[in-house]
Amino acid sequence: MRSGAAGKQLGQKMDFATLSGHGYLLIGSLILVGAVLLFISFIVNLRVAHSVRHDARHREKLLEYYRNTFSQLGVILMGIGVSLFIFFLQQNYQDRRKREAEIHEILAKMALRIARGSAAMESLGEFDTLLDDGGPYKNPEEGGANNAVKARGAELAQQVAKILLVERDVDVKAFEVMNLSRDLESSFVVNELNPALWFNIVKDESDIEYASTQLPFDYKDLHEAIGDGPLADAIADPDKEGKIKREVLDIFYDADLLRQRGRRALGRACWLFSQGSGFVALGPIDEIETNAASHQDWLDRSKPFLTHLAAGSEDCFKLLNYSPNPSMSE
């Protein structure tokens, strides 16, 4: 329903913009035709004076009729043209004021989302420690070979114990605050924003929603795989160990997706906010939009760019709240 309303509003704005363009053409035509008619009435008036001097009564009356007709039509058309010009001038002024008000409102909401999003990113530090233990995390399908992927036996038991602690500390619902599209889709900005950039915003938000929805189910499956007994006993059982390992990898996959998309969405929002009202004209940039091989690769690529941007007193990279694992080795 929200998207439909936004689309209807967008269509109305586009229709008015089109109407405005044709309206100015109409205004110019009316004023031009009116001026031509007044000029013709002036020429006819000279003929009237000539008829008076030569006492051509019949011709004088006919020319007076033409003069008055052209003069009245000219004044009417020019009056309509001027009135329409004033109307469109006022309408454009109101549209500009409304546009400025909407931009300021969006920037205010964006600042709020950035501040709250940065706070939510702090909880990702515990996932960072687990995921990047022994090197940048890559999911197993892409050749990940750090401890998050390789852990077995006693190491797996320690890993699972830490994962269960993180479950209580990370509020995945807090990442809903990064839904920037809600502030954009019902405004004129969605019409002016670069389509590729808009697509990336919506896609990242969809991935964040998927990961934050999936993680609680992953944890539920992990608890079921462990069972009611001690964790050490479950790991000692080869069948249970295999199930636990699969659930751990599922948790890591969704946690990595959440931190990648969450930090990219926050970095993008900080970049847009740092540009003020000019963010409407921006397009996607590789430093933020690139799909890197790992989260660490994305951070390395985006850090030089985000460090030189700021929202408030913090640079955009610090707002991501990323602390590399001390044991991580490239």
C-alpha atoms as a PDB file:
ATOM      1  CA  MET A   1       0.000   0.000   0.000  1.00  0.00           C
ATOM      2  CA  ARG A   2       2.889   2.391   0.831  1.00  0.00           C
ATOM      3  CA  SER A   3       4.560   1.758  -2.505  1.00  0.00           C
ATOM      4  CA  GLY A   4       1.285   2.279  -4.354  1.00  0.00           C
ATOM      5  CA  ALA A   5       0.701   5.614  -2.625  1.00  0.00           C
ATOM      6  CA  ALA A   6       4.274   6.654  -3.340  1.00  0.00           C
ATOM      7  CA  GLY A   7       3.839   5.704  -6.995  1.00  0.00           C
ATOM      8  CA  LYS A   8       0.625   7.709  -7.233  1.00  0.00           C
ATOM      9  CA  GLN A   9       2.286  10.734  -5.658  1.00  0.00           C
ATOM     10  CA  LEU A  10       5.266  10.326  -7.950  1.00  0.00           C
ATOM     11  CA  GLY A  11       2.963  10.197 -10.972  1.00  0.00           C
ATOM     12  CA  GLN A  12       1.237  13.370  -9.840  1.00  0.00           C
ATOM     13  CA  LYS A  13       4.562  15.165  -9.459  1.00  0.00           C
ATOM     14  CA  MET A  14       5.701  14.032 -12.892  1.00  0.00           C
ATOM     15  CA  ASP A  15       2.367  15.097 -14.428  1.00  0.00           C
ATOM     16  CA  PHE A  16       2.643  18.545 -12.843  1.00  0.00           C
ATOM     17  CA  ALA A  17       6.224  18.923 -14.046  1.00  0.00           C
ATOM     18  CA  THR A  18       5.098  18.036 -17.566  1.00  0.00           C
ATOM     19  CA  LEU A  19       2.157  20.415 -17.268  1.00  0.00           C
ATOM     20  CA  SER A  20       4.481  23.168 -16.080  1.00  0.00           C
ATOM     21  CA  GLY A  21       6.711  22.746 -19.111  1.00  0.00           C
ATOM     22  CA  HIS A  22       3.753  22.952 -21.509  1.00  0.00           C
ATOM     23  CA  GLY A  23       2.246  25.737 -19.373  1.00  0.00           C
ATOM     24  CA  TYR A  24       5.190  28.070 -19.918  1.00  0.00           C
ATOM     25  CA  LEU A  25       4.981  27.413 -23.646  1.00  0.00           C
ATOM     26  CA  LEU A  26       1.291  28.307 -23.536  1.00  0.00           C
ATOM     27  CA  ILE A  27       2.014  31.464 -21.536  1.00  0.00           C
ATOM     28  CA  GLY A  28       4.612  32.611 -24.045  1.00  0.00           C
ATOM     29  CA  SER A  29       2.254  31.915 -26.924  1.00  0.00           C
ATOM     30  CA  LEU A  30      -0.620  33.844 -25.334  1.00  0.00           C
ATOM     31  CA  ILE A  31       1.546  36.886 -24.572  1.00  0.00           C
ATOM     32  CA  LEU A  32       3.094  36.798 -28.054  1.00  0.00           C
ATOM     33  CA  VAL A  33      -0.265  36.513 -29.816  1.00  0.00           C
ATOM     34  CA  GLY A  34      -1.692  39.251 -27.573  1.00  0.00           C
ATOM     35  CA  ALA A  35       1.226  41.544 -28.396  1.00  0.00           C
ATOM     36  CA  VAL A  36       0.802  40.859 -32.112  1.00  0.00           C
ATOM     37  CA  LEU A  37      -2.908  41.665 -31.897  1.00  0.00           C
ATOM     38  CA  LEU A  38      -2.179  44.921 -30.082  1.00  0.00           C
ATOM     39  CA  PHE A  39       0.363  45.815 -32.724  1.00  0.00           C
ATOM     40  CA  ILE A  40      -2.187  45.061 -35.437  1.00  0.00           C
ATOM     41  CA  SER A  41      -4.752  47.220 -33.619  1.00  0.00           C
ATOM     42  CA  PHE A  42      -2.172  50.043 -33.593  1.00  0.00           C
ATOM     43  CA  ILE A  43      -1.702  49.682 -37.362  1.00  0.00           C
ATOM     44  CA  VAL A  44      -5.481  49.615 -37.865  1.00  0.00           C
ATOM     45  CA  ASN A  45      -5.787  52.739 -35.695  1.00  0.00           C
ATOM     46  CA  LEU A  46      -3.463  54.537 -38.108  1.00  0.00           C
ATOM     47  CA  ARG A  47      -5.803  53.537 -40.915  1.00  0.00           C
ATOM     48  CA  VAL A  48      -8.730  54.871 -38.884  1.00  0.00           C
ATOM     49  CA  ALA A  49      -6.988  58.239 -38.613  1.00  0.00           C
ATOM     50  CA  HIS A  50      -6.380  58.213 -42.361  1.00  0.00           C
ATOM     51  CA  SER A  51     -10.098  57.498 -42.998  1.00  0.00           C
ATOM     52  CA  VAL A  52     -11.104  60.364 -40.700  1.00  0.00           C
ATOM     53  CA  ARG A  53      -8.896  62.800 -42.617  1.00  0.00           C
ATOM     54  CA  HIS A  54     -10.473  61.688 -45.894  1.00  0.00           C
ATOM     55  CA  ASP A  55     -13.999  61.624 -44.435  1.00  0.00           C
ATOM     56  CA  ALA A  56     -14.518  57.937 -45.344  1.00  0.00           C
ATOM     57  CA  ARG A  57     -17.300  57.270 -42.803  1.00  0.00           C
ATOM     58  CA  HIS A  58     -18.118  53.697 -43.821  1.00  0.00           C
ATOM     59  CA  ARG A  59     -14.485  52.661 -43.920  1.00  0.00           C
ATOM     60  CA  GLU A  60     -13.836  54.484 -40.630  1.00  0.00           C
ATOM     61  CA  LYS A  61     -16.550  52.519 -38.781  1.00  0.00           C
ATOM     62  CA  LEU A  62     -15.309  49.206 -40.196  1.00  0.00           C
ATOM     63  CA  LEU A  63     -11.717  49.931 -39.244  1.00  0.00           C
ATOM     64  CA  GLU A  64     -12.774  51.043 -35.736  1.00  0.00           C
ATOM     65  CA  TYR A  65     -14.547  47.704 -35.318  1.00  0.00           C
ATOM     66  CA  TYR A  66     -11.387  45.809 -36.347  1.00  0.00           C
ATOM     67  CA  ARG A  67      -9.226  48.026 -34.144  1.00  0.00           C
ATOM     68  CA  ASN A  68     -11.418  47.477 -31.078  1.00  0.00           C
ATOM     69  CA  THR A  69     -11.663  43.732 -31.718  1.00  0.00           C
ATOM     70  CA  PHE A  70      -7.893  43.265 -32.113  1.00  0.00           C
ATOM     71  CA  SER A  71      -7.211  45.532 -29.137  1.00  0.00           C
ATOM     72  CA  GLN A  72      -9.638  43.741 -26.821  1.00  0.00           C
ATOM     73  CA  LEU A  73      -8.445  40.293 -27.874  1.00  0.00           C
ATOM     74  CA  GLY A  74      -4.827  41.358 -27.422  1.00  0.00           C
ATOM     75  CA  VAL A  75      -5.459  42.757 -23.937  1.00  0.00           C
ATOM     76  CA  ILE A  76      -7.448  39.650 -22.929  1.00  0.00           C
ATOM     77  CA  LEU A  77      -4.803  37.221 -24.185  1.00  0.00           C
ATOM     78  CA  MET A  78      -1.967  39.175 -22.604  1.00  0.00           C
ATOM     79  CA  GLY A  79      -3.924  39.399 -19.340  1.00  0.00           C
ATOM     80  CA  ILE A  80      -4.475  35.639 -19.350  1.00  0.00           C
ATOM     81  CA  GLY A  81      -0.798  35.065 -20.135  1.00  0.00           C
ATOM     82  CA  VAL A  82       0.393  37.348 -17.330  1.00  0.00           C
ATOM     83  CA  SER A  83      -2.063  35.781 -14.865  1.00  0.00           C
ATOM     84  CA  LEU A  84      -0.874  32.285 -15.769  1.00  0.00           C
ATOM     85  CA  PHE A  85       2.746  33.405 -15.478  1.00  0.00           C
ATOM     86  CA  ILE A  86       2.124  34.737 -11.960  1.00  0.00           C
ATOM     87  CA  PHE A  87       0.292  31.500 -11.061  1.00  0.00           C
ATOM     88  CA  PHE A  88       3.144  29.277 -12.261  1.00  0.00           C
ATOM     89  CA  LEU A  89       5.696  31.539 -10.613  1.00  0.00           C
ATOM     90  CA  GLN A  90       3.904  31.207  -7.276  1.00  0.00           C
ATOM     91  CA  GLN A  91       3.446  27.464  -7.785  1.00  0.00           C
ATOM     92  CA  ASN A  92       7.129  26.974  -8.547  1.00  0.00           C
ATOM     93  CA  TYR A  93       8.072  28.987  -5.475  1.00  0.00           C
ATOM     94  CA  GLN A  94       5.807  26.832  -3.322  1.00  0.00           C
ATOM     95  CA  ASP A  95       7.228  23.670  -4.912  1.00  0.00           C
ATOM     96  CA  ARG A  96      10.775  24.842  -4.185  1.00  0.00           C
ATOM     97  CA  ARG A  97       9.881  25.586  -0.591  1.00  0.00           C
ATOM     98  CA  LYS A  98       8.175  22.223  -0.273  1.00  0.00           C
ATOM     99  CA  ARG A  99      11.188  20.507  -1.849  1.00  0.00           C
ATOM    100  CA  GLU A 100      13.561  22.222   0.573  1.00  0.00           C
ATOM    101  CA  ALA A 101      11.324  21.302   3.510  1.00  0.00           C
ATOM    102  CA  GLU A 102      11.196  17.650   2.396  1.00  0.00           C
ATOM    103  CA  ILE A 103      14.966  17.508   1.984  1.00  0.00           C
ATOM    104  CA  HIS A 104      15.529  18.956   5.464  1.00  0.00           C
ATOM    105  CA  GLU A 105      13.030  16.483   6.894  1.00  0.00           C
ATOM    106  CA  ILE A 106      14.751  13.563   5.147  1.00  0.00           C
ATOM    107  CA  LEU A 107      18.168  14.722   6.350  1.00  0.00           C
ATOM    108  CA  ALA A 108      16.853  14.974   9.923  1.00  0.00           C
ATOM    109  CA  LYS A 109      15.472  11.437   9.750  1.00  0.00           C
ATOM    110  CA  MET A 110      18.684  10.245   8.107  1.00  0.00           C
ATOM    111  CA  ALA A 111      20.736  11.696  10.974  1.00  0.00           C
ATOM    112  CA  LEU A 112      18.519   9.838  13.435  1.00  0.00           C
ATOM    113  CA  ARG A 113      18.920   6.554  11.549  1.00  0.00           C
ATOM    114  CA  ILE A 114      22.705   7.016  11.349  1.00  0.00           C
ATOM    115  CA  ALA A 115      23.001   7.655  15.089  1.00  0.00           C
ATOM    116  CA  ARG A 116      20.821   4.692  16.021  1.00  0.00           C
ATOM    117  CA  GLY A 117      22.371   2.504  13.340  1.00  0.00           C
ATOM    118  CA  SER A 118      25.860   3.224  14.665  1.00  0.00           C
ATOM    119  CA  ALA A 119      24.723   2.136  18.122  1.00  0.00           C
ATOM    120  CA  ALA A 120      23.336  -1.075  16.652  1.00  0.00           C
ATOM    121  CA  MET A 121      26.664  -1.752  14.912  1.00  0.00           C
ATOM    122  CA  GLU A 122      28.449  -1.861  18.279  1.00  0.00           C
ATOM    123  CA  SER A 123      26.853  -5.228  19.021  1.00  0.00           C
ATOM    124  CA  LEU A 124      28.332  -6.636  15.817  1.00  0.00           C
ATOM    125  CA  GLY A 125      31.765  -6.531  17.415  1.00  0.00           C
ATOM    126  CA  GLU A 126      31.139  -9.903  19.040  1.00  0.00           C
ATOM    127  CA  PHE A 127      30.261 -11.432  15.682  1.00  0.00           C
ATOM    128  CA  ASP A 128      33.364  -9.790  14.188  1.00  0.00           C
ATOM    129  CA  THR A 129      35.539 -11.559  16.763  1.00  0.00           C
ATOM    130  CA  LEU A 130      34.021 -14.932  15.926  1.00  0.00           C
ATOM    131  CA  LEU A 131      33.819 -14.529  12.164  1.00  0.00           C
ATOM    132  CA  ASP A 132      37.319 -13.148  11.608  1.00  0.00           C
ATOM    133  CA  ASP A 133      39.115 -15.502  13.993  1.00  0.00           C
ATOM    134  CA  GLY A 134      42.218 -16.548  12.087  1.00  0.00           C
ATOM    135  CA  GLY A 135      41.599 -14.417   8.998  1.00  0.00           C
ATOM    136  CA  PRO A 136      38.836 -12.606   7.083  1.00  0.00           C
ATOM    137  CA  TYR A 137      35.685 -14.706   6.977  1.00  0.00           C
ATOM    138  CA  LYS A 138      34.443 -16.123   3.715  1.00  0.00           C
ATOM    139  CA  ASN A 139      31.590 -18.544   3.573  1.00  0.00           C
ATOM    140  CA  PRO A 140      32.603 -22.175   2.864  1.00  0.00           C
ATOM    141  CA  GLU A 141      31.263 -22.040  -0.706  1.00  0.00           C
ATOM    142  CA  GLU A 142      33.780 -19.270  -1.469  1.00  0.00           C
ATOM    143  CA  GLY A 143      36.725 -21.043   0.107  1.00  0.00           C
ATOM    144  CA  GLY A 144      36.646 -19.694   3.647  1.00  0.00           C
ATOM    145  CA  ALA A 145      39.431 -21.293   5.668  1.00  0.00           C
ATOM    146  CA  ASN A 146      39.612 -19.419   9.003  1.00  0.00           C
ATOM    147  CA  ASN A 147      38.717 -20.853  12.411  1.00  0.00           C
ATOM    148  CA  ALA A 148      35.065 -19.891  12.006  1.00  0.00           C
ATOM    149  CA  VAL A 149      34.869 -22.466   9.217  1.00  0.00           C
ATOM    150  CA  LYS A 150      37.459 -25.054  10.267  1.00  0.00           C
ATOM    151  CA  ALA A 151      36.757 -25.435  14.002  1.00  0.00           C
ATOM    152  CA  ARG A 152      36.045 -28.994  15.147  1.00  0.00           C
ATOM    153  CA  GLY A 153      35.919 -30.898  18.422  1.00  0.00           C
ATOM    154  CA  ALA A 154      36.975 -28.838  21.453  1.00  0.00           C
ATOM    155  CA  GLU A 155      37.450 -25.706  19.314  1.00  0.00           C
ATOM    156  CA  LEU A 156      33.927 -26.092  17.982  1.00  0.00           C
ATOM    157  CA  ALA A 157      32.586 -26.447  21.541  1.00  0.00           C
ATOM    158  CA  GLN A 158      34.309 -23.189  22.554  1.00  0.00           C
ATOM    159  CA  GLN A 159      32.998 -21.522  19.414  1.00  0.00           C
ATOM    160  CA  VAL A 160      29.420 -22.629  20.084  1.00  0.00           C
ATOM    161  CA  ALA A 161      29.634 -21.427  23.693  1.00  0.00           C
ATOM    162  CA  LYS A 162      30.640 -17.960  22.449  1.00  0.00           C
ATOM    163  CA  ILE A 163      27.904 -18.002  19.814  1.00  0.00           C
ATOM    164  CA  LEU A 164      25.309 -18.710  22.490  1.00  0.00           C
ATOM    165  CA  LEU A 165      26.566 -15.740  24.499  1.00  0.00           C
ATOM    166  CA  VAL A 166      26.302 -13.488  21.444  1.00  0.00           C
ATOM    167  CA  GLU A 167      22.666 -14.541  21.025  1.00  0.00           C
ATOM    168  CA  ARG A 168      21.760 -12.589  24.165  1.00  0.00           C
ATOM    169  CA  ASP A 169      23.885  -9.553  23.332  1.00  0.00           C
ATOM    170  CA  VAL A 170      22.911  -8.870  19.724  1.00  0.00           C
ATOM    171  CA  ASP A 171      19.419  -7.463  19.159  1.00  0.00           C
ATOM    172  CA  VAL A 172      18.816  -8.189  15.487  1.00  0.00           C
ATOM    173  CA  LYS A 173      15.607  -6.146  15.543  1.00  0.00           C
ATOM    174  CA  ALA A 174      17.699  -3.018  16.124  1.00  0.00           C
ATOM    175  CA  PHE A 175      18.907  -3.186  12.528  1.00  0.00           C
ATOM    176  CA  GLU A 176      15.434  -2.267  11.275  1.00  0.00           C
ATOM    177  CA  VAL A 177      16.456   1.333  11.950  1.00  0.00           C
ATOM    178  CA  MET A 178      18.582   1.252   8.773  1.00  0.00           C
ATOM    179  CA  ASN A 179      15.466   1.183   6.582  1.00  0.00           C
ATOM    180  CA  LEU A 180      16.281   4.439   4.806  1.00  0.00           C
ATOM    181  CA  SER A 181      13.884   3.745   1.930  1.00  0.00           C
ATOM    182  CA  ARG A 182      10.898   4.409   4.207  1.00  0.00           C
ATOM    183  CA  ASP A 183      11.915   8.056   4.378  1.00  0.00           C
ATOM    184  CA  LEU A 184      12.556   8.324   0.655  1.00  0.00           C
ATOM    185  CA  GLU A 185       9.788   6.358  -1.031  1.00  0.00           C
ATOM    186  CA  SER A 186       6.961   8.771  -0.129  1.00  0.00           C
ATOM    187  CA  SER A 187       8.840  11.914  -1.152  1.00  0.00           C
ATOM    188  CA  PHE A 188       9.877  13.546  -4.418  1.00  0.00           C
ATOM    189  CA  VAL A 189      13.443  12.303  -3.775  1.00  0.00           C
ATOM    190  CA  VAL A 190      12.604   8.838  -5.048  1.00  0.00           C
ATOM    191  CA  ASN A 191      11.877  10.435  -8.426  1.00  0.00           C
ATOM    192  CA  GLU A 192      15.187  12.332  -8.571  1.00  0.00           C
ATOM    193  CA  LEU A 193      17.455   9.732  -6.980  1.00  0.00           C
ATOM    194  CA  ASN A 194      19.774   7.734  -9.231  1.00  0.00           C
ATOM    195  CA  PRO A 195      17.932   4.452 -10.094  1.00  0.00           C
ATOM    196  CA  ALA A 196      21.009   2.272  -9.534  1.00  0.00           C
ATOM    197  CA  LEU A 197      21.629   3.873  -6.138  1.00  0.00           C
ATOM    198  CA  TRP A 198      17.974   3.449  -5.180  1.00  0.00           C
ATOM    199  CA  PHE A 199      18.123  -0.225  -6.200  1.00  0.00           C
ATOM    200  CA  ASN A 200      21.219  -0.765  -4.023  1.00  0.00           C
ATOM    201  CA  ILE A 201      19.551   0.896  -1.041  1.00  0.00           C
ATOM    202  CA  VAL A 202      16.468  -1.298  -1.297  1.00  0.00           C
ATOM    203  CA  LYS A 203      18.475  -4.479  -1.956  1.00  0.00           C
ATOM    204  CA  ASP A 204      20.701  -3.973   1.085  1.00  0.00           C
ATOM    205  CA  GLU A 205      17.663  -3.326   3.249  1.00  0.00           C
ATOM    206  CA  SER A 206      16.062  -6.534   1.967  1.00  0.00           C
ATOM    207  CA  ASP A 207      19.229  -8.478   2.829  1.00  0.00           C
ATOM    208  CA  ILE A 208      19.309  -6.917   6.317  1.00  0.00           C
ATOM    209  CA  GLU A 209      15.677  -7.876   6.848  1.00  0.00           C
ATOM    210  CA  TYR A 210      16.360 -11.420   5.634  1.00  0.00           C
ATOM    211  CA  ALA A 211      19.438 -11.882   7.861  1.00  0.00           C
ATOM    212  CA  SER A 212      17.816 -10.384  10.961  1.00  0.00           C
ATOM    213  CA  THR A 213      14.750 -12.582  10.417  1.00  0.00           C
ATOM    214  CA  GLN A 214      16.763 -15.728   9.740  1.00  0.00           C
ATOM    215  CA  LEU A 215      19.242 -15.503  12.642  1.00  0.00           C
ATOM    216  CA  PRO A 216      16.673 -16.307  15.393  1.00  0.00           C
ATOM    217  CA  PHE A 217      15.649 -19.406  13.423  1.00  0.00           C
ATOM    218  CA  ASP A 218      19.305 -20.375  13.030  1.00  0.00           C
ATOM    219  CA  TYR A 219      19.781 -20.131  16.792  1.00  0.00           C
ATOM    220  CA  LYS A 220      16.650 -22.174  17.365  1.00  0.00           C
ATOM    221  CA  ASP A 221      18.001 -24.909  15.078  1.00  0.00           C
ATOM    222  CA  LEU A 222      21.341 -24.790  16.929  1.00  0.00           C
ATOM    223  CA  HIS A 223      19.637 -25.305  20.286  1.00  0.00           C
ATOM    224  CA  GLU A 224      17.711 -28.255  18.844  1.00  0.00           C
ATOM    225  CA  ALA A 225      20.931 -29.748  17.437  1.00  0.00           C
ATOM    226  CA  ILE A 226      22.622 -29.485  20.849  1.00  0.00           C
ATOM    227  CA  GLY A 227      19.677 -30.977  22.690  1.00  0.00           C
ATOM    228  CA  ASP A 228      19.073 -30.897  26.425  1.00  0.00           C
ATOM    229  CA  GLY A 229      22.400 -32.399  27.456  1.00  0.00           C
ATOM    230  CA  PRO A 230      25.776 -30.732  28.016  1.00  0.00           C
ATOM    231  CA  LEU A 231      27.401 -29.099  25.005  1.00  0.00           C
ATOM    232  CA  ALA A 232      30.576 -31.196  25.412  1.00  0.00           C
ATOM    233  CA  ASP A 233      28.552 -34.421  25.196  1.00  0.00           C
ATOM    234  CA  ALA A 234      26.755 -33.220  22.054  1.00  0.00           C
ATOM    235  CA  ILE A 235      30.078 -32.350  20.379  1.00  0.00           C
ATOM    236  CA  ALA A 236      31.459 -35.777  21.334  1.00  0.00           C
ATOM    237  CA  ASP A 237      28.643 -37.442  19.368  1.00  0.00           C
ATOM    238  CA  PRO A 238      29.757 -37.523  15.668  1.00  0.00           C
ATOM    239  CA  ASP A 239      26.176 -37.264  14.373  1.00  0.00           C
ATOM    240  CA  LYS A 240      25.315 -34.338  16.624  1.00  0.00           C
ATOM    241  CA  GLU A 241      28.632 -32.659  15.932  1.00  0.00           C
ATOM    242  CA  GLY A 242      27.873 -32.651  12.200  1.00  0.00           C
ATOM    243  CA  LYS A 243      24.439 -31.102  12.800  1.00  0.00           C
ATOM    244  CA  ILE A 244      25.849 -28.517  15.205  1.00  0.00           C
ATOM    245  CA  LYS A 245      28.564 -27.608  12.706  1.00  0.00           C
ATOM    246  CA  ARG A 246      25.981 -27.049   9.965  1.00  0.00           C
ATOM    247  CA  GLU A 247      23.906 -24.803  12.223  1.00  0.00           C
ATOM    248  CA  VAL A 248      27.014 -22.848  13.253  1.00  0.00           C
ATOM    249  CA  LEU A 249      27.867 -22.248   9.595  1.00  0.00           C
ATOM    250  CA  ASP A 250      24.280 -21.099   8.970  1.00  0.00           C
ATOM    251  CA  ILE A 251      24.556 -18.618  11.840  1.00  0.00           C
ATOM    252  CA  PHE A 252      27.899 -17.352  10.550  1.00  0.00           C
ATOM    253  CA  TYR A 253      26.555 -16.974   7.017  1.00  0.00           C
ATOM    254  CA  ASP A 254      23.581 -14.862   8.144  1.00  0.00           C
ATOM    255  CA  ALA A 255      25.652 -12.916  10.696  1.00  0.00           C
ATOM    256  CA  ASP A 256      28.186 -12.069   7.999  1.00  0.00           C
ATOM    257  CA  LEU A 257      25.390 -10.990   5.660  1.00  0.00           C
ATOM    258  CA  LEU A 258      23.927  -8.824   8.428  1.00  0.00           C
ATOM    259  CA  ARG A 259      27.208  -7.079   9.221  1.00  0.00           C
ATOM    260  CA  GLN A 260      28.150  -6.579   5.562  1.00  0.00           C
ATOM    261  CA  ARG A 261      24.830  -5.133   4.491  1.00  0.00           C
ATOM    262  CA  GLY A 262      24.317  -3.261   7.765  1.00  0.00           C
ATOM    263  CA  ARG A 263      27.672  -1.499   7.629  1.00  0.00           C
ATOM    264  CA  ARG A 264      27.337  -0.777   3.924  1.00  0.00           C
ATOM    265  CA  ALA A 265      23.880   0.724   4.477  1.00  0.00           C
ATOM    266  CA  LEU A 266      25.229   2.829   7.344  1.00  0.00           C
ATOM    267  CA  GLY A 267      28.281   3.947   5.367  1.00  0.00           C
ATOM    268  CA  ARG A 268      26.093   4.876   2.401  1.00  0.00           C
ATOM    269  CA  ALA A 269      23.656   6.808   4.615  1.00  0.00           C
ATOM    270  CA  CYS A 270      26.553   8.670   6.262  1.00  0.00           C
ATOM    271  CA  TRP A 271      27.958   9.548   2.835  1.00  0.00           C
ATOM    272  CA  LEU A 272      24.587  10.829   1.616  1.00  0.00           C
ATOM    273  CA  PHE A 273      24.052  12.819   4.816  1.00  0.00           C
ATOM    274  CA  SER A 274      27.500  14.397   4.601  1.00  0.00           C
ATOM    275  CA  GLN A 275      26.582  15.906   1.204  1.00  0.00           C
ATOM    276  CA  GLY A 276      23.633  17.843   2.606  1.00  0.00           C
ATOM    277  CA  SER A 277      20.824  18.701   0.181  1.00  0.00           C
ATOM    278  CA  GLY A 278      23.084  17.733  -2.732  1.00  0.00           C
ATOM    279  CA  PHE A 279      22.668  14.025  -1.955  1.00  0.00           C
ATOM    280  CA  VAL A 280      19.698  13.907  -4.338  1.00  0.00           C
ATOM    281  CA  ALA A 281      22.008  14.259  -7.365  1.00  0.00           C
ATOM    282  CA  LEU A 282      24.511  11.585  -6.288  1.00  0.00           C
ATOM    283  CA  GLY A 283      25.060   8.268  -8.033  1.00  0.00           C
ATOM    284  CA  PRO A 284      26.559   4.979  -6.777  1.00  0.00           C
ATOM    285  CA  ILE A 285      30.302   4.875  -6.112  1.00  0.00           C
ATOM    286  CA  ASP A 286      32.560   1.817  -6.140  1.00  0.00           C
ATOM    287  CA  GLU A 287      34.060   2.488  -2.699  1.00  0.00           C
ATOM    288  CA  ILE A 288      30.681   1.724  -1.139  1.00  0.00           C
ATOM    289  CA  GLU A 289      28.691  -0.285  -3.656  1.00  0.00           C
ATOM    290  CA  THR A 290      31.354  -2.835  -4.623  1.00  0.00           C
ATOM    291  CA  ASN A 291      30.617  -6.477  -3.780  1.00  0.00           C
ATOM    292  CA  ALA A 292      33.915  -7.456  -2.164  1.00  0.00           C
ATOM    293  CA  ALA A 293      35.153 -11.005  -1.595  1.00  0.00           C
ATOM    294  CA  SER A 294      34.921 -10.520   2.176  1.00  0.00           C
ATOM    295  CA  HIS A 295      33.758  -7.982   4.715  1.00  0.00           C
ATOM    296  CA  GLN A 296      37.388  -7.111   5.419  1.00  0.00           C
ATOM    297  CA  ASP A 297      37.983  -6.401   1.722  1.00  0.00           C
ATOM    298  CA  TRP A 298      35.014  -4.037   1.676  1.00  0.00           C
ATOM    299  CA  LEU A 299      36.257  -2.253   4.790  1.00  0.00           C
ATOM    300  CA  ASP A 300      39.746  -1.854   3.302  1.00  0.00           C
ATOM    301  CA  ARG A 301      38.280  -0.392   0.117  1.00  0.00           C
ATOM    302  CA  SER A 302      35.774   1.940   1.781  1.00  0.00           C
ATOM    303  CA  LYS A 303      37.934   3.166   4.691  1.00  0.00           C
ATOM    304  CA  PRO A 304      39.943   5.843   2.779  1.00  0.00           C
ATOM    305  CA  PHE A 305      36.732   7.250   1.336  1.00  0.00           C
ATOM    306  CA  LEU A 306      34.567   7.149   4.486  1.00  0.00           C
ATOM    307  CA  THR A 307      37.303   8.490   6.758  1.00  0.00           C
ATOM    308  CA  HIS A 308      37.161  11.841   4.937  1.00  0.00           C
ATOM    309  CA  LEU A 309      33.406  12.157   5.441  1.00  0.00           C
ATOM    310  CA  ALA A 310      31.653  13.051   8.666  1.00  0.00           C
ATOM    311  CA  ALA A 311      28.241  13.010  10.292  1.00  0.00           C
ATOM    312  CA  GLY A 312      28.334  15.218  13.341  1.00  0.00           C
ATOM    313  CA  SER A 313      31.668  14.936  15.156  1.00  0.00           C
ATOM    314  CA  GLU A 314      32.511  11.415  13.931  1.00  0.00           C
ATOM    315  CA  ASP A 315      33.893  10.369  10.590  1.00  0.00           C
ATOM    316  CA  CYS A 316      31.763   7.898   8.685  1.00  0.00           C
ATOM    317  CA  PHE A 317      34.177   4.990   9.064  1.00  0.00           C
ATOM    318  CA  LYS A 318      34.308   5.239  12.864  1.00  0.00           C
ATOM    319  CA  LEU A 319      30.506   5.113  12.925  1.00  0.00           C
ATOM    320  CA  LEU A 320      30.726   1.578  11.509  1.00  0.00           C
ATOM    321  CA  ASN A 321      32.139   0.457  14.864  1.00  0.00           C
ATOM    322  CA  TYR A 322      34.433  -2.182  13.441  1.00  0.00           C
ATOM    323  CA  SER A 323      37.264  -3.482  15.632  1.00  0.00           C
ATOM    324  CA  PRO A 324      39.447  -6.051  13.857  1.00  0.00           C
ATOM    325  CA  ASN A 325      40.174  -9.286  15.656  1.00  0.00           C
ATOM    326  CA  PRO A 326      43.718  -9.065  17.159  1.00  0.00           C
ATOM    327  CA  SER A 327      44.353 -12.671  16.135  1.00  0.00           C
ATOM    328  CA  MET A 328      43.297 -12.052  12.535  1.00  0.00           C
ATOM    329  CA  SER A 329      46.030 -12.631   9.992  1.00  0.00           C
ATOM    330  CA  GLU A 330      45.783 -11.907   6.293  1.00  0.00           C
END
